[in-house]
Amino acid sequence: MTGTALAEEPASFRRFAPLRELDHPSRVFARLGPNWFASVMGTGIVANAAATLPVWLPGLRTAATVVWAFGALLLLALCAAWAVHWIRHTGTARGHAHDPVMAQFWGAPPMALMTVGAGTLLLGGDWIGLGPALTVDWILWTAGTLLGLFTTAWIPYRMMTTHAITRDSAFGGWLMPVVPPMVSAANGALLVEHLPAGQPRLTMLLGCYAMFGISLFATLFIVPQLWQRLLRHKTGAAATVPTVWIVLGPLGQSVTAVNLLARPAGNVLPEPYGAAADALGLFYGVAAWGFALVWLVLAAALTLRAARSGLPFALTWWSFTFPVGTVVTGTSGLAARTGSLLFTVAAVALYLLLVLAWLTVAVRTAHGSYRGGLF
């Protein structure tokens, strides 16, 4: 073998080697931000949305359970990697909270925990049994709720006191820290009936409605700022365009939450409040669903416009998944409540869009992770 061949072989090997875009494999932990947990959210919602669809398709539940299991393994892997990140790169980990953009994604870990927890109860029980599934869900819901309530106050406080905020700073990511309580409300509704009757169920139900309000009113403060920014300063950098889709998250999740909470409300709340909760699920749900569809059209148009000029792949692409998934679960809840063919067809169509988006983003993420560039 000639010297030239010896020189060429390592270069050829590196072309296909994993993590070849990093200086050293250990650098995979160096910049591991909380935004990575959006991949767990996006994967978990694909499974959870399938479990709530108003139609039954052969093999769908099995496929959804496999996706849930993959999401659970991904959550465990990310938690372990993030622990290494905090131990080896403490300064960088702490610095994420000081960054006006990265700090917003502190809302992703609590939502990832609760999304996997809900999937465990909805689907995982088929494999591990109801008792263990319920225990896992309680643990993940409790941890996610506590962390989510913390981020809801902590990140806005940082924005008000230390972050450099300009007139064109608003972006969809501002919603990330304040959406977790809405996820807690929706997923907590699934746990109400598993509590003892009386005060435990009443406390849980009222707590979920309170968290629904926390996230809803925070969203009502933030979305007008994003709307104004888009009108005056346009979409900005192409990499941030996918975050426009995040607005669908609190909208869709609020529809999901208000309909899920209406189920136990009739047995827990005294009349006429049980009936009022049932009516709220329908009338608020339809109104919010209508605006969600308008925003979906706007977000799609803005994304296609940006794509014509080049839309570089980044972890912000996971914004195409979880927010759409919440609209699917919200639409499914309205279909179950009304029996409307409109909502049934819409739920299936939106779910197909969700699966297409998830497959696209998951493949791109896997490719970028293998090469190391995403790290």
Foldseek 3Di string as FASTA:
>chain_A
DDPVVVVVVVVVVLVQAFQSVDPDPVCLLAQLALLVLLLLLQLLLLLVLLLLAPDDDPPSLVVSLVSLVVSVVVLVVSVVSPVVSCVPHVVNHVCLLLALQSVLSLLRNLSSLQSSLLSLCSRVCVPVNNVVSLVSNVVSLVVSQVSLVCLLPPSVVCVVPRHDDDLLRAALSNLSSLLSLLSSLLSLLVCLVVDDADPVSLVSLVSSVVSLVSSVVVLVVRVVSNVVSCVPVNQPDLQRLLSLLSNLQNLLSSLSNLLSSLVCLLVRPDPPVSVVSLVCSAPVLVVSLVVSVVSVVVSVVSNVVSVVVPRDDASSLSSQGSSLSSNLSSLSSNCVSPVDPVSSVVSVVSSVSNVVSSVVNVVVVVVCNRNSVRD
